[in-house]
């Protein structure tokens, strides 16, 4: 199940859009969203176009396409 989604620009990691989470989900996922932002800062045009990263009980899945990173945090 998808818990949260973030879309960011690859060149500078700038978030372009994010899903709206309720207070409980926001507090539960805050650490994982910080990890997602760290991933955005490390990505570049030479990065793997698809990746899944296990982090505790969640997975961070991302897809790079035309300079945009689509990332979701899933159970």
Protein backbone atom coordinates (compact mmCIF):
# COMPACT_ATOMS: atom_id res chain seq x y z
CA UNK A 1 0.00 0.00 0.00
CA UNK A 2 1.33 3.43 -0.94
CA UNK A 3 1.71 5.67 2.12
CA UNK A 4 3.09 8.82 0.48
CA UNK A 5 4.27 10.10 -2.90
CA UNK A 6 6.81 12.81 -3.75
CA UNK A 7 7.81 14.13 -7.18
CA UNK A 8 11.08 16.05 -7.49
CA UNK A 9 13.39 17.53 -10.10
CA UNK A 10 16.59 15.45 -10.51
CA UNK A 11 18.95 18.33 -11.29
CA UNK A 12 18.63 19.98 -7.87
CA UNK A 13 16.30 17.74 -5.82
CA UNK A 14 13.60 20.39 -5.66
CA UNK A 15 10.25 18.82 -4.66
CA UNK A 16 7.62 19.62 -7.29
CA UNK A 17 4.61 17.89 -5.71
CA UNK A 18 3.74 15.66 -2.77
CA UNK A 19 0.73 13.79 -1.50
CA UNK A 20 -1.25 15.25 1.36
CA UNK A 21 -0.96 13.12 4.49
CA UNK A 22 -3.05 13.26 7.65
CA UNK A 23 -1.36 14.13 10.97
CA UNK A 24 -0.85 10.53 12.04
CA UNK A 25 0.74 9.51 8.74
CA UNK A 26 2.84 12.68 8.69
CA UNK A 27 4.40 11.96 12.08
CA UNK A 28 4.82 8.27 11.25
CA UNK A 29 6.55 8.98 7.94
CA UNK A 30 8.61 12.08 8.76
CA UNK A 31 11.88 10.16 9.04
CA UNK A 32 11.23 8.34 5.77
CA UNK A 33 10.41 11.60 4.00
CA UNK A 34 13.76 12.94 5.21
CA UNK A 35 15.40 9.88 3.68
CA UNK A 36 13.55 10.57 0.42
CA UNK A 37 14.86 14.15 0.37
CA UNK A 38 18.41 12.85 0.93
CA UNK A 39 17.91 10.48 -2.02
CA UNK A 40 16.76 13.38 -4.22
CA UNK A 41 19.96 15.30 -3.43
CA UNK A 42 22.14 12.33 -4.44
CA UNK A 43 20.43 11.59 -7.75
CA UNK A 44 21.81 12.73 -11.08
CA UNK A 45 21.40 11.90 -14.75
CA UNK A 46 23.71 8.87 -14.34
CA UNK A 47 21.69 7.31 -11.48
CA UNK A 48 19.81 4.04 -11.88
CA UNK A 49 16.47 4.78 -13.59
CA UNK A 50 14.54 2.54 -11.14
CA UNK A 51 15.33 1.52 -7.60
CA UNK A 52 13.73 0.08 -4.46
CA UNK A 53 15.26 0.82 -1.08
CA UNK A 54 14.24 -1.07 2.05
CA UNK A 55 14.06 1.08 5.17
CA UNK A 56 12.60 -0.57 8.24
CA UNK A 57 8.97 -1.55 7.64
CA UNK A 58 8.75 0.56 4.45
CA UNK A 59 10.16 0.58 0.94
CA UNK A 60 11.09 3.67 -1.01
CA UNK A 61 10.54 3.03 -4.73
CA UNK A 62 11.65 5.60 -7.28
CA UNK A 63 11.54 6.01 -11.02
CA UNK A 64 13.55 8.57 -13.00
CA UNK A 65 12.11 9.85 -16.27
CA UNK A 66 13.11 12.93 -18.27
CA UNK A 67 14.77 14.67 -15.33
CA UNK A 68 11.95 13.99 -12.89
CA UNK A 69 12.01 11.58 -9.95
CA UNK A 70 8.77 9.89 -8.91
CA UNK A 71 9.14 8.38 -5.43
CA UNK A 72 6.62 6.54 -3.29
CA UNK A 73 6.87 5.23 0.24
CA UNK A 74 5.12 1.87 0.52
CA UNK A 75 4.43 -0.79 3.11
